[in-house]
């Protein structure tokens, strides 16, 4: 999933990327770290129902998260984080 998502970004420009900590069996925090290495100017938001503190700290430190939002979120929360 990480590779296919990064491949999509070769043809498209994004200003914000949102990843679920547990997205289809992948690690959303690791995806954001990899994404940030290739596209550091893109804003990164991690969402999760439950996430390990180590995963969140990794993402904050290495992926330079703009926000961490817990599920369920309100539309305002997501909008305010992406704005």
N, C-alpha and C. Protein backbone atom coordinates (compact mmCIF):
# COMPACT_ATOMS: atom_id res chain seq x y z
N UNK A 1 0.81 -1.19 0.00
CA UNK A 1 0.00 0.00 0.00
C UNK A 1 0.86 1.27 0.00
N UNK A 2 1.94 1.25 0.76
CA UNK A 2 2.81 2.42 0.83
C UNK A 2 3.37 2.73 -0.55
N UNK A 3 3.86 1.71 -1.25
CA UNK A 3 4.45 1.94 -2.57
C UNK A 3 3.43 2.43 -3.57
N UNK A 4 2.22 1.87 -3.55
CA UNK A 4 1.20 2.33 -4.51
C UNK A 4 0.77 3.76 -4.20
N UNK A 5 0.72 4.12 -2.93
CA UNK A 5 0.36 5.50 -2.57
C UNK A 5 1.44 6.47 -3.01
N UNK A 6 2.69 6.10 -2.82
CA UNK A 6 3.79 6.96 -3.25
C UNK A 6 3.86 7.06 -4.76
N UNK A 7 3.53 5.99 -5.46
CA UNK A 7 3.50 6.01 -6.92
C UNK A 7 2.46 7.00 -7.42
N UNK A 8 1.31 7.05 -6.76
CA UNK A 8 0.25 7.99 -7.12
C UNK A 8 0.75 9.43 -7.03
N UNK A 9 1.62 9.69 -6.09
CA UNK A 9 2.12 11.05 -5.88
C UNK A 9 3.11 11.51 -6.93
N UNK A 10 3.60 10.60 -7.74
CA UNK A 10 4.52 10.99 -8.80
C UNK A 10 3.82 11.84 -9.86
N UNK A 11 2.52 11.63 -10.03
CA UNK A 11 1.76 12.34 -11.06
C UNK A 11 0.83 13.41 -10.51
N UNK A 12 0.72 13.48 -9.20
CA UNK A 12 -0.24 14.39 -8.57
C UNK A 12 0.45 15.15 -7.45
N UNK A 13 0.10 16.40 -7.27
CA UNK A 13 0.64 17.20 -6.19
C UNK A 13 -0.40 17.31 -5.08
N UNK A 14 0.04 17.09 -3.86
CA UNK A 14 -0.84 17.18 -2.70
C UNK A 14 -0.32 18.24 -1.74
N UNK A 15 -1.23 18.90 -1.05
CA UNK A 15 -0.81 19.85 -0.02
C UNK A 15 -1.01 19.26 1.37
N UNK A 16 -1.80 18.17 1.45
CA UNK A 16 -2.08 17.53 2.73
C UNK A 16 -2.29 16.04 2.51
N UNK A 17 -1.73 15.23 3.39
CA UNK A 17 -1.94 13.79 3.33
C UNK A 17 -2.44 13.35 4.71
N UNK A 18 -3.46 12.49 4.69
CA UNK A 18 -4.06 11.98 5.93
C UNK A 18 -3.92 10.46 5.91
N UNK A 19 -3.41 9.91 7.00
CA UNK A 19 -3.25 8.46 7.09
C UNK A 19 -3.85 7.96 8.39
N UNK A 20 -4.45 6.78 8.32
CA UNK A 20 -4.97 6.10 9.50
C UNK A 20 -3.82 5.27 10.07
N UNK A 21 -3.67 5.31 11.37
CA UNK A 21 -2.59 4.55 12.02
C UNK A 21 -2.65 3.08 11.65
N UNK A 22 -3.86 2.51 11.60
CA UNK A 22 -4.05 1.10 11.22
C UNK A 22 -4.85 1.06 9.92
N UNK A 23 -4.21 1.34 8.82
CA UNK A 23 -4.88 1.40 7.53
C UNK A 23 -4.64 0.11 6.74
N UNK A 24 -5.67 -0.68 6.60
CA UNK A 24 -5.61 -1.92 5.83
C UNK A 24 -4.38 -2.76 6.19
N UNK A 25 -4.11 -2.88 7.48
CA UNK A 25 -3.00 -3.69 7.93
C UNK A 25 -1.64 -3.02 7.84
N UNK A 26 -1.60 -1.79 7.36
CA UNK A 26 -0.33 -1.07 7.26
C UNK A 26 -0.16 -0.16 8.47
N UNK A 27 1.03 0.36 8.60
CA UNK A 27 1.34 1.30 9.66
C UNK A 27 1.28 2.71 9.07
N UNK A 28 0.23 3.45 9.39
CA UNK A 28 0.06 4.79 8.86
C UNK A 28 1.17 5.74 9.26
N UNK A 29 1.71 5.56 10.46
CA UNK A 29 2.81 6.42 10.90
C UNK A 29 4.03 6.20 10.02
N UNK A 30 4.34 4.94 9.72
CA UNK A 30 5.49 4.66 8.85
C UNK A 30 5.26 5.19 7.44
N UNK A 31 4.01 5.10 6.96
CA UNK A 31 3.69 5.67 5.66
C UNK A 31 3.99 7.17 5.65
N UNK A 32 3.58 7.88 6.69
CA UNK A 32 3.80 9.33 6.74
C UNK A 32 5.29 9.66 6.83
N UNK A 33 6.06 8.83 7.52
CA UNK A 33 7.52 9.04 7.57
C UNK A 33 8.10 8.92 6.16
N UNK A 34 7.72 7.85 5.45
CA UNK A 34 8.20 7.64 4.09
C UNK A 34 7.73 8.75 3.16
N UNK A 35 6.47 9.14 3.30
CA UNK A 35 5.91 10.21 2.48
C UNK A 35 6.65 11.52 2.73
N UNK A 36 6.93 11.82 3.99
CA UNK A 36 7.62 13.07 4.33
C UNK A 36 9.03 13.12 3.77
N UNK A 37 9.69 11.98 3.67
CA UNK A 37 11.03 11.95 3.09
C UNK A 37 11.02 12.39 1.63
N UNK A 38 9.96 12.02 0.91
CA UNK A 38 9.86 12.37 -0.51
C UNK A 38 9.19 13.73 -0.73
N UNK A 39 8.25 14.10 0.15
CA UNK A 39 7.46 15.32 -0.03
C UNK A 39 7.39 16.09 1.29
N UNK A 40 8.51 16.68 1.72
CA UNK A 40 8.55 17.34 3.03
C UNK A 40 7.66 18.58 3.13
N UNK A 41 7.26 19.15 2.01
CA UNK A 41 6.43 20.36 2.04
C UNK A 41 4.95 20.03 2.28
N UNK A 42 4.59 18.78 2.22
CA UNK A 42 3.19 18.36 2.36
C UNK A 42 2.83 18.22 3.84
N UNK A 43 1.69 18.76 4.20
CA UNK A 43 1.18 18.68 5.56
C UNK A 43 0.73 17.24 5.84
N UNK A 44 1.05 16.69 7.02
CA UNK A 44 0.72 15.31 7.36
C UNK A 44 -0.18 15.25 8.60
N UNK A 45 -1.26 14.49 8.49
CA UNK A 45 -2.19 14.29 9.59
C UNK A 45 -2.36 12.80 9.82
N UNK A 46 -2.22 12.37 11.07
CA UNK A 46 -2.40 10.97 11.44
C UNK A 46 -3.69 10.86 12.24
N UNK A 47 -4.56 9.91 11.86
CA UNK A 47 -5.79 9.65 12.61
C UNK A 47 -5.73 8.23 13.15
N UNK A 48 -6.36 8.02 14.32
CA UNK A 48 -6.34 6.69 14.89
C UNK A 48 -7.40 6.55 15.97
N UNK A 49 -7.93 5.34 16.04
CA UNK A 49 -8.83 5.01 17.14
C UNK A 49 -7.99 4.70 18.36
N UNK A 50 -6.93 3.99 18.12
CA UNK A 50 -5.95 3.71 19.17
C UNK A 50 -4.59 3.56 18.51
N UNK A 51 -3.62 4.21 19.08
CA UNK A 51 -2.27 4.15 18.52
C UNK A 51 -1.29 4.02 19.68
N UNK A 52 -0.21 3.33 19.42
CA UNK A 52 0.81 3.22 20.46
C UNK A 52 1.51 4.56 20.59
N UNK A 53 1.91 4.88 21.79
CA UNK A 53 2.60 6.15 22.02
C UNK A 53 3.91 6.18 21.22
N UNK A 54 4.57 5.04 21.09
CA UNK A 54 5.81 4.98 20.30
C UNK A 54 5.55 5.35 18.84
N UNK A 55 4.44 4.85 18.29
CA UNK A 55 4.10 5.16 16.90
C UNK A 55 3.80 6.62 16.70
N UNK A 56 3.09 7.21 17.63
CA UNK A 56 2.75 8.64 17.53
C UNK A 56 4.02 9.49 17.68
N UNK A 57 4.87 9.13 18.61
CA UNK A 57 6.13 9.87 18.80
C UNK A 57 7.01 9.76 17.56
N UNK A 58 7.08 8.55 16.99
CA UNK A 58 7.84 8.36 15.75
C UNK A 58 7.31 9.26 14.65
N UNK A 59 6.00 9.27 14.49
CA UNK A 59 5.40 10.09 13.44
C UNK A 59 5.62 11.58 13.71
N UNK A 60 5.46 12.00 14.95
CA UNK A 60 5.69 13.42 15.27
C UNK A 60 7.13 13.82 14.96
N UNK A 61 8.05 12.97 15.32
CA UNK A 61 9.46 13.27 15.16
C UNK A 61 9.93 13.15 13.71
N UNK A 62 9.60 12.05 13.07
CA UNK A 62 10.15 11.77 11.74
C UNK A 62 9.26 12.24 10.59
N UNK A 63 7.95 12.23 10.78
CA UNK A 63 7.05 12.63 9.69
C UNK A 63 6.62 14.08 9.83
N UNK A 64 7.02 14.71 10.92
CA UNK A 64 6.67 16.12 11.15
C UNK A 64 5.16 16.33 11.02
N UNK A 65 4.41 15.58 11.82
CA UNK A 65 2.95 15.66 11.79
C UNK A 65 2.46 17.08 12.02
N UNK A 66 1.44 17.45 11.30
CA UNK A 66 0.75 18.71 11.54
C UNK A 66 -0.28 18.51 12.64
N UNK A 67 -0.84 17.28 12.70
CA UNK A 67 -1.87 17.00 13.70
C UNK A 67 -2.01 15.50 13.91
N UNK A 68 -2.46 15.15 15.11
CA UNK A 68 -2.87 13.79 15.43
C UNK A 68 -4.31 13.90 15.91
N UNK A 69 -5.20 13.19 15.25
CA UNK A 69 -6.63 13.28 15.56
C UNK A 69 -7.13 11.90 15.94
N UNK A 70 -7.87 11.84 17.06
CA UNK A 70 -8.42 10.55 17.48
C UNK A 70 -9.78 10.32 16.84
N UNK A 71 -10.07 9.05 16.57
CA UNK A 71 -11.36 8.66 16.01
C UNK A 71 -12.36 8.49 17.14
N UNK A 72 -13.59 8.74 16.95
CA UNK A 72 -14.15 9.44 15.79
C UNK A 72 -13.85 10.92 15.90
N UNK A 73 -13.67 11.56 14.77
CA UNK A 73 -13.36 12.98 14.76
C UNK A 73 -14.57 13.75 14.23
N UNK A 74 -14.56 15.02 14.53
CA UNK A 74 -15.60 15.89 13.96
C UNK A 74 -15.04 16.50 12.68
N UNK A 75 -15.93 16.88 11.79
CA UNK A 75 -15.48 17.51 10.55
C UNK A 75 -14.68 18.77 10.84
N UNK A 76 -15.09 19.51 11.87
CA UNK A 76 -14.39 20.73 12.23
C UNK A 76 -12.95 20.43 12.64
N UNK A 77 -12.75 19.36 13.42
CA UNK A 77 -11.41 18.98 13.85
C UNK A 77 -10.49 18.72 12.66
N UNK A 78 -10.99 17.95 11.72
CA UNK A 78 -10.20 17.62 10.54
C UNK A 78 -9.95 18.87 9.69
N UNK A 79 -10.98 19.66 9.48
CA UNK A 79 -10.84 20.88 8.69
C UNK A 79 -9.85 21.84 9.33
N UNK A 80 -9.96 22.03 10.65
CA UNK A 80 -9.08 22.96 11.35
C UNK A 80 -7.62 22.50 11.28
N UNK A 81 -7.41 21.19 11.30
CA UNK A 81 -6.05 20.65 11.24
C UNK A 81 -5.45 20.80 9.85
N UNK A 82 -6.29 20.72 8.84
CA UNK A 82 -5.81 20.78 7.45
C UNK A 82 -5.72 22.21 6.93
N UNK A 83 -6.34 23.13 7.59
CA UNK A 83 -6.38 24.52 7.11
C UNK A 83 -5.08 25.25 7.35
